[in-house]
C-alpha cells in the first residue's frame, strides 16, 4: 500500500445535518475539548467543537505494529474486492 500513515490529518466536524436524517440517536456538542494520546496507534489527537461545529487534528508520529497490522488487513480486503 502506498498510502501514508505518518503525518498531520485534519477533519471538519459538522453536527447539524444529522437532524435532517432518520437516526437512532442524535449527538450534539455545545462545547467539547478533547486531547487523546493514542499510544497503541502512535498518534496524538485534539478535538474542539463549539455549537456543533469543530475540527479534529491528528498527528500520527509513529507507525506502530498495530497500525501496520490494520494497514495490511485493509490491503487484503481491498485486493479481494
N, C-alpha and C. Protein backbone atom coordinates (compact mmCIF):
# COMPACT_ATOMS: atom_id res chain seq x y z
N UNK A 1 0.83 -1.19 0.00
CA UNK A 1 0.00 0.00 0.00
C UNK A 1 0.87 1.25 0.00
N UNK A 2 0.56 2.18 -0.87
CA UNK A 2 1.32 3.39 -0.96
C UNK A 2 0.77 4.51 -0.09
N UNK A 3 -0.30 4.27 0.63
CA UNK A 3 -0.90 5.32 1.43
C UNK A 3 -0.04 5.61 2.65
N UNK A 4 0.08 6.89 2.97
CA UNK A 4 0.93 7.26 4.09
C UNK A 4 0.16 7.14 5.41
N UNK A 5 0.88 6.82 6.45
CA UNK A 5 0.28 6.74 7.78
C UNK A 5 0.73 7.91 8.64
N UNK A 6 2.02 8.23 8.59
CA UNK A 6 2.55 9.32 9.40
C UNK A 6 2.14 10.66 8.81
N UNK A 7 1.96 11.64 9.69
CA UNK A 7 1.65 12.98 9.23
C UNK A 7 0.54 13.60 10.05
N UNK A 8 0.10 14.77 9.61
CA UNK A 8 -0.97 15.52 10.27
C UNK A 8 -2.21 15.43 9.41
N UNK A 9 -3.33 15.13 10.04
CA UNK A 9 -4.60 14.98 9.35
C UNK A 9 -5.65 15.85 10.04
N UNK A 10 -6.45 16.55 9.24
CA UNK A 10 -7.46 17.47 9.77
C UNK A 10 -8.82 17.02 9.26
N UNK A 11 -9.77 16.96 10.16
CA UNK A 11 -11.14 16.55 9.82
C UNK A 11 -12.12 17.61 10.30
N UNK A 12 -12.99 18.05 9.41
CA UNK A 12 -14.04 19.02 9.72
C UNK A 12 -15.19 18.29 10.40
N UNK A 13 -15.76 18.86 11.45
CA UNK A 13 -16.89 18.27 12.17
C UNK A 13 -18.08 19.20 12.03
N UNK A 14 -19.19 18.64 11.62
CA UNK A 14 -20.44 19.38 11.46
C UNK A 14 -21.56 18.47 11.94
N UNK A 15 -22.29 18.88 12.97
CA UNK A 15 -23.28 18.00 13.60
C UNK A 15 -24.72 18.37 13.28
N UNK A 16 -24.95 19.34 12.41
CA UNK A 16 -26.32 19.78 12.13
C UNK A 16 -27.05 18.88 11.14
N UNK A 17 -26.36 18.35 10.14
CA UNK A 17 -27.02 17.58 9.08
C UNK A 17 -27.70 16.32 9.60
N UNK A 18 -27.27 15.81 10.73
CA UNK A 18 -27.90 14.62 11.29
C UNK A 18 -29.37 14.83 11.61
N UNK A 19 -29.75 16.06 11.89
CA UNK A 19 -31.13 16.33 12.28
C UNK A 19 -32.11 16.23 11.11
N UNK A 20 -31.61 16.18 9.87
CA UNK A 20 -32.47 16.01 8.70
C UNK A 20 -32.47 14.57 8.21
N UNK A 21 -31.93 13.66 9.02
CA UNK A 21 -31.90 12.23 8.70
C UNK A 21 -32.63 11.47 9.80
N UNK A 22 -33.11 10.30 9.46
CA UNK A 22 -33.73 9.45 10.47
C UNK A 22 -32.62 8.63 11.12
N UNK A 23 -32.37 8.90 12.38
CA UNK A 23 -31.29 8.24 13.12
C UNK A 23 -31.85 7.62 14.40
N UNK A 24 -31.10 6.66 14.93
CA UNK A 24 -31.48 6.06 16.20
C UNK A 24 -31.19 7.01 17.36
N UNK A 25 -30.20 7.87 17.20
CA UNK A 25 -29.88 8.86 18.22
C UNK A 25 -29.19 10.04 17.54
N UNK A 26 -29.19 11.15 18.23
CA UNK A 26 -28.55 12.36 17.74
C UNK A 26 -27.55 12.83 18.78
N UNK A 27 -26.39 13.25 18.33
CA UNK A 27 -25.36 13.76 19.23
C UNK A 27 -25.03 15.18 18.83
N UNK A 28 -25.12 16.08 19.78
CA UNK A 28 -24.81 17.48 19.53
C UNK A 28 -23.97 17.99 20.69
N UNK A 29 -22.83 18.58 20.38
CA UNK A 29 -21.94 19.11 21.40
C UNK A 29 -22.06 20.62 21.46
N UNK A 30 -22.40 21.14 22.62
CA UNK A 30 -22.38 22.58 22.83
C UNK A 30 -20.93 23.03 22.91
N UNK A 31 -20.16 22.38 23.76
CA UNK A 31 -18.71 22.61 23.86
C UNK A 31 -18.04 21.27 24.15
N UNK A 32 -17.03 20.94 23.36
CA UNK A 32 -16.23 19.75 23.64
C UNK A 32 -14.77 20.08 23.35
N UNK A 33 -13.93 19.77 24.30
CA UNK A 33 -12.48 19.84 24.14
C UNK A 33 -11.92 18.49 24.53
N UNK A 34 -11.13 17.91 23.65
CA UNK A 34 -10.62 16.56 23.92
C UNK A 34 -9.18 16.46 23.42
N UNK A 35 -8.33 15.88 24.23
CA UNK A 35 -6.95 15.60 23.86
C UNK A 35 -6.69 14.14 24.14
N UNK A 36 -6.21 13.41 23.13
CA UNK A 36 -6.00 11.98 23.27
C UNK A 36 -4.58 11.62 22.87
N UNK A 37 -3.90 10.85 23.70
CA UNK A 37 -2.60 10.28 23.38
C UNK A 37 -2.83 8.81 23.04
N UNK A 38 -2.81 8.49 21.77
CA UNK A 38 -3.12 7.14 21.29
C UNK A 38 -1.82 6.35 21.13
N UNK A 39 -1.36 5.76 22.23
CA UNK A 39 -0.09 5.03 22.21
C UNK A 39 -0.15 3.78 21.35
N UNK A 40 -1.29 3.11 21.29
CA UNK A 40 -1.41 1.88 20.52
C UNK A 40 -1.23 2.15 19.03
N UNK A 41 -1.80 3.25 18.53
CA UNK A 41 -1.73 3.56 17.11
C UNK A 41 -0.65 4.59 16.78
N UNK A 42 0.03 5.13 17.79
CA UNK A 42 1.14 6.04 17.56
C UNK A 42 0.74 7.43 17.13
N UNK A 43 -0.27 7.99 17.81
CA UNK A 43 -0.71 9.33 17.42
C UNK A 43 -1.20 10.15 18.59
N UNK A 44 -1.38 11.43 18.31
CA UNK A 44 -1.95 12.38 19.26
C UNK A 44 -3.07 13.10 18.53
N UNK A 45 -4.20 13.26 19.22
CA UNK A 45 -5.38 13.84 18.58
C UNK A 45 -5.99 14.92 19.46
N UNK A 46 -6.40 16.01 18.83
CA UNK A 46 -7.06 17.11 19.52
C UNK A 46 -8.37 17.41 18.82
N UNK A 47 -9.45 17.48 19.59
CA UNK A 47 -10.77 17.78 19.04
C UNK A 47 -11.35 18.98 19.78
N UNK A 48 -11.90 19.91 19.01
CA UNK A 48 -12.61 21.05 19.58
C UNK A 48 -13.91 21.23 18.79
N UNK A 49 -15.03 21.30 19.52
CA UNK A 49 -16.35 21.51 18.92
C UNK A 49 -17.06 22.58 19.73
N UNK A 50 -17.61 23.57 19.04
CA UNK A 50 -18.40 24.63 19.68
C UNK A 50 -19.69 24.77 18.88
N UNK A 51 -20.81 24.58 19.55
CA UNK A 51 -22.14 24.68 18.94
C UNK A 51 -22.26 23.82 17.68
N UNK A 52 -21.76 22.59 17.76
CA UNK A 52 -21.93 21.63 16.67
C UNK A 52 -20.97 21.76 15.51
N UNK A 53 -20.03 22.69 15.56
CA UNK A 53 -19.03 22.85 14.51
C UNK A 53 -17.64 22.75 15.11
N UNK A 54 -16.76 22.04 14.44
CA UNK A 54 -15.43 21.92 15.02
C UNK A 54 -14.42 21.28 14.09
N UNK A 55 -13.28 20.97 14.69
CA UNK A 55 -12.16 20.36 13.99
C UNK A 55 -11.57 19.25 14.83
N UNK A 56 -11.04 18.26 14.14
CA UNK A 56 -10.23 17.21 14.77
C UNK A 56 -8.90 17.22 14.05
N UNK A 57 -7.82 17.38 14.81
CA UNK A 57 -6.47 17.39 14.25
C UNK A 57 -5.73 16.21 14.86
N UNK A 58 -5.17 15.37 14.00
CA UNK A 58 -4.45 14.17 14.45
C UNK A 58 -3.06 14.17 13.86
N UNK A 59 -2.09 13.88 14.71
CA UNK A 59 -0.71 13.73 14.29
C UNK A 59 -0.29 12.30 14.53
N UNK A 60 -0.11 11.54 13.46
CA UNK A 60 0.42 10.18 13.56
C UNK A 60 1.93 10.28 13.48
N UNK A 61 2.60 10.10 14.60
CA UNK A 61 4.05 10.29 14.67
C UNK A 61 4.82 9.00 14.52
N UNK A 62 4.19 7.85 14.78
CA UNK A 62 4.88 6.57 14.73
C UNK A 62 3.94 5.53 14.14
N UNK A 63 4.43 4.73 13.19
CA UNK A 63 3.62 3.62 12.69
C UNK A 63 3.91 2.40 13.56
N UNK A 64 3.02 2.13 14.50
CA UNK A 64 3.20 1.02 15.43
C UNK A 64 2.86 -0.30 14.74
N UNK A 65 3.13 -1.38 15.41
CA UNK A 65 2.79 -2.70 14.87
C UNK A 65 1.29 -2.85 14.69
N UNK A 66 0.50 -2.30 15.63
CA UNK A 66 -0.97 -2.36 15.50
C UNK A 66 -1.43 -1.60 14.26
N UNK A 67 -0.86 -0.45 13.99
CA UNK A 67 -1.22 0.32 12.80
C UNK A 67 -0.80 -0.43 11.54
N UNK A 68 0.37 -1.03 11.54
CA UNK A 68 0.83 -1.79 10.38
C UNK A 68 -0.09 -2.99 10.13
N UNK A 69 -0.54 -3.65 11.19
CA UNK A 69 -1.47 -4.78 11.03
C UNK A 69 -2.78 -4.34 10.38
N UNK A 70 -3.31 -3.20 10.81
CA UNK A 70 -4.56 -2.70 10.23
C UNK A 70 -4.35 -2.34 8.77
N UNK A 71 -3.23 -1.71 8.42
CA UNK A 71 -2.95 -1.38 7.03
C UNK A 71 -2.87 -2.66 6.18
N UNK A 72 -2.25 -3.70 6.71
CA UNK A 72 -2.17 -4.98 5.98
C UNK A 72 -3.56 -5.56 5.76
N UNK A 73 -4.39 -5.53 6.80
CA UNK A 73 -5.75 -6.05 6.68
C UNK A 73 -6.57 -5.28 5.66
N UNK A 74 -6.46 -3.96 5.67
CA UNK A 74 -7.18 -3.14 4.69
C UNK A 74 -6.69 -3.48 3.28
N UNK A 75 -5.40 -3.63 3.12
CA UNK A 75 -4.85 -4.00 1.82
C UNK A 75 -5.39 -5.33 1.32
N UNK A 76 -5.48 -6.31 2.21
CA UNK A 76 -6.00 -7.62 1.83
C UNK A 76 -7.47 -7.53 1.43
N UNK A 77 -8.25 -6.75 2.17
CA UNK A 77 -9.68 -6.60 1.88
C UNK A 77 -9.87 -5.90 0.54
N UNK A 78 -9.14 -4.83 0.30
CA UNK A 78 -9.32 -4.09 -0.95
C UNK A 78 -8.84 -4.88 -2.16
N UNK A 79 -7.86 -5.75 -1.98
CA UNK A 79 -7.41 -6.61 -3.08
C UNK A 79 -8.46 -7.65 -3.43
N UNK A 80 -9.19 -8.14 -2.41
CA UNK A 80 -10.23 -9.14 -2.65
C UNK A 80 -11.44 -8.54 -3.34
N UNK A 81 -11.76 -7.27 -3.01
CA UNK A 81 -12.96 -6.62 -3.50
C UNK A 81 -12.79 -6.13 -4.89
